[in-house]
Every structure is written in C-alpha cells, then in structure tokens.
Amino acid sequence: MASLDEELLMDEQENKREITFIREHLPADLKEQYSDEQLLFIIDAIGTYFYTSGILESNSEEVDIDMEAVSDFVCNEAKEEGEGPFDPQEVFFVVEADLDFQEQNA
C-alpha cells in the first residue's frame, strides 16, 4: 500500500500528464489561455459535475454527456469560487480534451 506522500506524488504526476494532454489538444489560440492552476480548477470542477449529476451512477455502457452543460457548470463554479469568469465556449474545448484523456487512460 502506498503511503500518503507516494499517493500525493502520483496524483501530482497524473495532474501534470493531464494538463500536458489538454494543452496539446486545445486549439492553438487557447493553448496558453489558462494557467496550470486554472486547468486544475477546471479538471476538479468537471469531476464535481460528474459526481453531482448522477452520470457515474448510470448502469448503461453508453452515457450521453452534454459537454455544453459540463462547460456551463464549470463556468458557474469558477464564478462562484472567484476563479473566473471563463467563457463556456472556450471551456468546452478543455472539457472535450479532459474527456478524451479520461477515455484513453481508463
């Protein structure tokens, strides 16, 4: 069993891989739009959306994800937390890249 320090290090490394992946898959004009901290906030907000929306509780093998709804949720969370404002149309590309990353690493 990994120690807490080892788990934190693994999480940090995974976050770095995910941020790198997202940056590589964003349109050129958005690659430097967000800091690493903002991308981590967005990644966490996406996770919150999935945990609170009930999508993870579905028994279906195919789940229809409304990426616009996810983007809107992220932008609302950012506004509430003082992290935004973010443009939902731009965040959409981050959501799309994050989902691609999750799919490839499942």
N, C-alpha and C. Protein backbone atom coordinates (compact mmCIF):
# COMPACT_ATOMS: atom_id res chain seq x y z
N MET A 1 0.84 -1.18 0.00
CA MET A 1 0.00 0.00 0.00
C MET A 1 0.89 1.24 0.00
N ALA A 2 0.55 2.19 -0.85
CA ALA A 2 1.35 3.41 -0.98
C ALA A 2 1.09 4.33 0.20
N SER A 3 2.14 5.02 0.61
CA SER A 3 2.00 5.99 1.69
C SER A 3 1.26 7.22 1.16
N LEU A 4 0.84 8.06 2.06
CA LEU A 4 0.14 9.28 1.67
C LEU A 4 1.02 10.14 0.78
N ASP A 5 2.30 10.25 1.13
CA ASP A 5 3.23 11.04 0.31
C ASP A 5 3.36 10.46 -1.10
N GLU A 6 3.41 9.14 -1.20
CA GLU A 6 3.50 8.49 -2.51
C GLU A 6 2.24 8.72 -3.32
N GLU A 7 1.09 8.65 -2.67
CA GLU A 7 -0.18 8.88 -3.36
C GLU A 7 -0.28 10.33 -3.84
N LEU A 8 0.13 11.27 -3.02
CA LEU A 8 0.12 12.68 -3.42
C LEU A 8 1.05 12.92 -4.60
N LEU A 9 2.21 12.29 -4.59
CA LEU A 9 3.16 12.41 -5.70
C LEU A 9 2.56 11.82 -6.97
N MET A 10 1.90 10.66 -6.85
CA MET A 10 1.28 10.04 -8.03
C MET A 10 0.16 10.93 -8.56
N ASP A 11 -0.63 11.52 -7.67
CA ASP A 11 -1.70 12.44 -8.10
C ASP A 11 -1.11 13.65 -8.82
N GLU A 12 -0.03 14.20 -8.27
CA GLU A 12 0.61 15.35 -8.89
C GLU A 12 1.13 15.01 -10.29
N GLN A 13 1.74 13.85 -10.42
CA GLN A 13 2.25 13.41 -11.73
C GLN A 13 1.11 13.19 -12.71
N GLU A 14 0.01 12.62 -12.26
CA GLU A 14 -1.16 12.40 -13.11
C GLU A 14 -1.74 13.74 -13.56
N ASN A 15 -1.82 14.70 -12.64
CA ASN A 15 -2.31 16.03 -12.99
C ASN A 15 -1.43 16.68 -14.06
N LYS A 16 -0.13 16.54 -13.93
CA LYS A 16 0.80 17.11 -14.92
C LYS A 16 0.60 16.46 -16.29
N ARG A 17 0.43 15.14 -16.31
CA ARG A 17 0.17 14.44 -17.58
C ARG A 17 -1.14 14.92 -18.20
N GLU A 18 -2.15 15.08 -17.36
CA GLU A 18 -3.45 15.51 -17.85
C GLU A 18 -3.39 16.93 -18.40
N ILE A 19 -2.72 17.82 -17.70
CA ILE A 19 -2.58 19.21 -18.16
C ILE A 19 -1.82 19.24 -19.48
N THR A 20 -0.77 18.48 -19.59
CA THR A 20 0.01 18.41 -20.83
C THR A 20 -0.88 17.92 -21.97
N PHE A 21 -1.64 16.86 -21.72
CA PHE A 21 -2.54 16.31 -22.73
C PHE A 21 -3.56 17.36 -23.17
N ILE A 22 -4.17 18.01 -22.20
CA ILE A 22 -5.19 19.02 -22.52
C ILE A 22 -4.59 20.12 -23.37
N ARG A 23 -3.43 20.64 -22.96
CA ARG A 23 -2.79 21.72 -23.73
C ARG A 23 -2.50 21.27 -25.17
N GLU A 24 -2.07 20.02 -25.34
CA GLU A 24 -1.76 19.50 -26.68
C GLU A 24 -3.00 19.40 -27.55
N HIS A 25 -4.17 19.27 -26.94
CA HIS A 25 -5.40 19.05 -27.69
C HIS A 25 -6.29 20.29 -27.80
N LEU A 26 -5.86 21.39 -27.24
CA LEU A 26 -6.62 22.63 -27.36
C LEU A 26 -6.31 23.31 -28.68
N PRO A 27 -7.25 24.08 -29.21
CA PRO A 27 -6.94 24.89 -30.39
C PRO A 27 -5.77 25.83 -30.08
N ALA A 28 -5.01 26.18 -31.09
CA ALA A 28 -3.79 26.97 -30.91
C ALA A 28 -4.03 28.24 -30.11
N ASP A 29 -5.14 28.92 -30.36
CA ASP A 29 -5.39 30.19 -29.67
C ASP A 29 -5.76 30.01 -28.19
N LEU A 30 -5.99 28.77 -27.75
CA LEU A 30 -6.34 28.53 -26.34
C LEU A 30 -5.23 27.82 -25.56
N LYS A 31 -4.17 27.40 -26.23
CA LYS A 31 -3.13 26.61 -25.56
C LYS A 31 -2.54 27.30 -24.34
N GLU A 32 -2.39 28.61 -24.39
CA GLU A 32 -1.82 29.35 -23.27
C GLU A 32 -2.85 30.21 -22.56
N GLN A 33 -4.11 30.00 -22.85
CA GLN A 33 -5.20 30.79 -22.27
C GLN A 33 -5.30 30.60 -20.76
N TYR A 34 -5.06 29.39 -20.30
CA TYR A 34 -5.25 29.05 -18.90
C TYR A 34 -3.94 28.66 -18.24
N SER A 35 -3.78 29.10 -16.99
CA SER A 35 -2.62 28.68 -16.20
C SER A 35 -2.83 27.22 -15.78
N ASP A 36 -1.77 26.58 -15.30
CA ASP A 36 -1.91 25.22 -14.79
C ASP A 36 -2.92 25.17 -13.65
N GLU A 37 -2.90 26.19 -12.79
CA GLU A 37 -3.84 26.22 -11.66
C GLU A 37 -5.28 26.33 -12.15
N GLN A 38 -5.50 27.14 -13.19
CA GLN A 38 -6.86 27.24 -13.73
C GLN A 38 -7.30 25.93 -14.36
N LEU A 39 -6.38 25.26 -15.06
CA LEU A 39 -6.74 23.96 -15.65
C LEU A 39 -7.04 22.95 -14.56
N LEU A 40 -6.28 22.96 -13.46
CA LEU A 40 -6.58 22.06 -12.35
C LEU A 40 -7.95 22.37 -11.76
N PHE A 41 -8.29 23.65 -11.65
CA PHE A 41 -9.62 24.02 -11.16
C PHE A 41 -10.69 23.46 -12.09
N ILE A 42 -10.49 23.62 -13.40
CA ILE A 42 -11.46 23.14 -14.39
C ILE A 42 -11.58 21.61 -14.30
N ILE A 43 -10.46 20.92 -14.21
CA ILE A 43 -10.47 19.46 -14.09
C ILE A 43 -11.26 19.04 -12.85
N ASP A 44 -11.01 19.71 -11.73
CA ASP A 44 -11.74 19.39 -10.50
C ASP A 44 -13.23 19.69 -10.63
N ALA A 45 -13.56 20.80 -11.28
CA ALA A 45 -14.97 21.16 -11.47
C ALA A 45 -15.67 20.14 -12.38
N ILE A 46 -14.96 19.65 -13.38
CA ILE A 46 -15.53 18.61 -14.24
C ILE A 46 -15.84 17.37 -13.41
N GLY A 47 -14.89 16.99 -12.55
CA GLY A 47 -15.11 15.85 -11.66
C GLY A 47 -16.31 16.07 -10.75
N THR A 48 -16.43 17.27 -10.21
CA THR A 48 -17.57 17.60 -9.36
C THR A 48 -18.87 17.46 -10.13
N TYR A 49 -18.87 17.92 -11.37
CA TYR A 49 -20.08 17.79 -12.20
C TYR A 49 -20.49 16.32 -12.31
N PHE A 50 -19.54 15.46 -12.60
CA PHE A 50 -19.88 14.05 -12.78
C PHE A 50 -20.34 13.41 -11.48
N TYR A 51 -19.74 13.78 -10.36
CA TYR A 51 -20.16 13.21 -9.08
C TYR A 51 -21.53 13.70 -8.66
N THR A 52 -21.88 14.95 -8.99
CA THR A 52 -23.15 15.51 -8.54
C THR A 52 -24.29 15.32 -9.53
N SER A 53 -23.96 15.00 -10.78
CA SER A 53 -25.00 14.90 -11.81
C SER A 53 -25.69 13.54 -11.86
N GLY A 54 -25.10 12.55 -11.25
CA GLY A 54 -25.67 11.21 -11.29
C GLY A 54 -25.20 10.38 -12.47
N ILE A 55 -24.40 10.96 -13.35
CA ILE A 55 -23.91 10.24 -14.53
C ILE A 55 -23.12 9.00 -14.12
N LEU A 56 -22.33 9.11 -13.07
CA LEU A 56 -21.49 7.98 -12.65
C LEU A 56 -22.30 6.81 -12.10
N GLU A 57 -23.55 7.07 -11.76
CA GLU A 57 -24.40 6.02 -11.21
C GLU A 57 -25.17 5.26 -12.28
N SER A 58 -25.01 5.66 -13.53
CA SER A 58 -25.72 5.01 -14.62
C SER A 58 -25.21 3.59 -14.82
N ASN A 59 -26.13 2.68 -15.10
CA ASN A 59 -25.77 1.30 -15.38
C ASN A 59 -25.55 1.06 -16.86
N SER A 60 -25.83 2.05 -17.66
CA SER A 60 -25.70 1.93 -19.11
C SER A 60 -24.22 1.98 -19.51
N GLU A 61 -23.87 1.19 -20.53
CA GLU A 61 -22.50 1.22 -21.02
C GLU A 61 -22.22 2.50 -21.80
N GLU A 62 -23.23 3.02 -22.46
CA GLU A 62 -23.11 4.27 -23.22
C GLU A 62 -23.84 5.37 -22.46
N VAL A 63 -23.11 6.40 -22.10
CA VAL A 63 -23.69 7.53 -21.39
C VAL A 63 -23.55 8.76 -22.28
N ASP A 64 -24.64 9.45 -22.48
CA ASP A 64 -24.63 10.67 -23.28
C ASP A 64 -24.24 11.84 -22.37
N ILE A 65 -23.09 12.44 -22.65
CA ILE A 65 -22.61 13.56 -21.85
C ILE A 65 -22.85 14.85 -22.61
N ASP A 66 -23.57 15.74 -22.00
CA ASP A 66 -23.84 17.05 -22.59
C ASP A 66 -22.66 17.96 -22.22
N MET A 67 -21.70 18.08 -23.14
CA MET A 67 -20.49 18.83 -22.84
C MET A 67 -20.77 20.31 -22.66
N GLU A 68 -21.82 20.82 -23.28
CA GLU A 68 -22.19 22.22 -23.05
C GLU A 68 -22.67 22.41 -21.61
N ALA A 69 -23.41 21.45 -21.09
CA ALA A 69 -23.87 21.52 -19.70
C ALA A 69 -22.68 21.45 -18.75
N VAL A 70 -21.71 20.60 -19.07
CA VAL A 70 -20.50 20.50 -18.24
C VAL A 70 -19.75 21.83 -18.27
N SER A 71 -19.60 22.40 -19.46
CA SER A 71 -18.91 23.68 -19.60
C SER A 71 -19.61 24.78 -18.82
N ASP A 72 -20.93 24.83 -18.91
CA ASP A 72 -21.69 25.83 -18.16
C ASP A 72 -21.51 25.64 -16.65
N PHE A 73 -21.53 24.39 -16.20
CA PHE A 73 -21.33 24.09 -14.79
C PHE A 73 -19.97 24.58 -14.33
N VAL A 74 -18.93 24.28 -15.12
CA VAL A 74 -17.56 24.70 -14.77
C VAL A 74 -17.49 26.22 -14.67
N CYS A 75 -18.08 26.91 -15.62
CA CYS A 75 -18.06 28.38 -15.61
C CYS A 75 -18.80 28.95 -14.41
N ASN A 76 -19.91 28.34 -14.05
CA ASN A 76 -20.65 28.78 -12.87
C ASN A 76 -19.85 28.54 -11.60
N GLU A 77 -19.20 27.38 -11.50
CA GLU A 77 -18.35 27.08 -10.35
C GLU A 77 -17.21 28.09 -10.26
N ALA A 78 -16.60 28.40 -11.40
CA ALA A 78 -15.48 29.35 -11.43
C ALA A 78 -15.93 30.72 -10.95
N LYS A 79 -17.09 31.12 -11.39
CA LYS A 79 -17.63 32.43 -10.99
C LYS A 79 -17.89 32.46 -9.48
N GLU A 80 -18.51 31.39 -8.98
CA GLU A 80 -18.82 31.31 -7.54
C GLU A 80 -17.56 31.28 -6.68
N GLU A 81 -16.51 30.64 -7.19
CA GLU A 81 -15.27 30.49 -6.43
C GLU A 81 -14.27 31.62 -6.68
N GLY A 82 -14.66 32.57 -7.53
CA GLY A 82 -13.76 33.68 -7.83
C GLY A 82 -12.61 33.30 -8.75
N GLU A 83 -12.78 32.23 -9.49
CA GLU A 83 -11.74 31.76 -10.42
C GLU A 83 -11.97 32.28 -11.83
N GLY A 84 -13.14 32.74 -12.12
CA GLY A 84 -13.49 33.14 -13.48
C GLY A 84 -13.46 34.63 -13.63
N PRO A 85 -14.12 35.12 -14.61
CA PRO A 85 -15.05 34.38 -15.45
C PRO A 85 -14.34 33.64 -16.58
N PHE A 86 -14.90 32.50 -16.92
CA PHE A 86 -14.43 31.73 -18.06
C PHE A 86 -15.52 31.77 -19.12
N ASP A 87 -15.11 31.64 -20.36
CA ASP A 87 -16.03 31.60 -21.49
C ASP A 87 -16.45 30.15 -21.72
N PRO A 88 -17.75 29.83 -21.61
CA PRO A 88 -18.20 28.45 -21.79
C PRO A 88 -17.80 27.85 -23.14
N GLN A 89 -17.74 28.67 -24.18
CA GLN A 89 -17.35 28.16 -25.49
C GLN A 89 -15.88 27.76 -25.52
N GLU A 90 -15.05 28.42 -24.73
CA GLU A 90 -13.64 28.05 -24.64
C GLU A 90 -13.45 26.87 -23.70
N VAL A 91 -14.17 26.88 -22.59
CA VAL A 91 -14.07 25.78 -21.62
C VAL A 91 -14.54 24.48 -22.25
N PHE A 92 -15.45 24.56 -23.20
CA PHE A 92 -15.94 23.38 -23.92
C PHE A 92 -14.75 22.56 -24.46
N PHE A 93 -13.74 23.23 -25.01
CA PHE A 93 -12.58 22.54 -25.57
C PHE A 93 -11.75 21.86 -24.47
N VAL A 94 -11.70 22.47 -23.30
CA VAL A 94 -11.00 21.85 -22.17
C VAL A 94 -11.77 20.61 -21.71
N VAL A 95 -13.08 20.73 -21.64
CA VAL A 95 -13.92 19.58 -21.25
C VAL A 95 -13.73 18.44 -22.24
N GLU A 96 -13.76 18.76 -23.51
CA GLU A 96 -13.58 17.75 -24.55
C GLU A 96 -12.22 17.06 -24.41
N ALA A 97 -11.16 17.84 -24.20
CA ALA A 97 -9.82 17.26 -24.06
C ALA A 97 -9.73 16.43 -22.78
N ASP A 98 -10.35 16.89 -21.70
CA ASP A 98 -10.33 16.14 -20.45
C ASP A 98 -11.04 14.80 -20.62
N LEU A 99 -12.18 14.80 -21.29
CA LEU A 99 -12.90 13.54 -21.51
C LEU A 99 -12.08 12.59 -22.39
N ASP A 100 -11.39 13.13 -23.39
CA ASP A 100 -10.52 12.31 -24.23
C ASP A 100 -9.40 11.70 -23.39
N PHE A 101 -8.82 12.49 -22.50
CA PHE A 101 -7.76 11.99 -21.63
C PHE A 101 -8.30 10.86 -20.74
N GLN A 102 -9.46 11.07 -20.15
CA GLN A 102 -10.05 10.06 -19.27
C GLN A 102 -10.34 8.77 -20.04
N GLU A 103 -10.83 8.93 -21.26
CA GLU A 103 -11.16 7.77 -22.08
C GLU A 103 -9.91 6.97 -22.43
N GLN A 104 -8.83 7.66 -22.75
CA GLN A 104 -7.58 6.99 -23.13
C GLN A 104 -6.88 6.35 -21.95
N ASN A 105 -7.17 6.83 -20.74
CA ASN A 105 -6.49 6.34 -19.55
C ASN A 105 -7.39 5.51 -18.65
N ALA A 106 -8.51 5.07 -19.21
CA ALA A 106 -9.44 4.26 -18.40
C ALA A 106 -8.98 2.84 -18.29
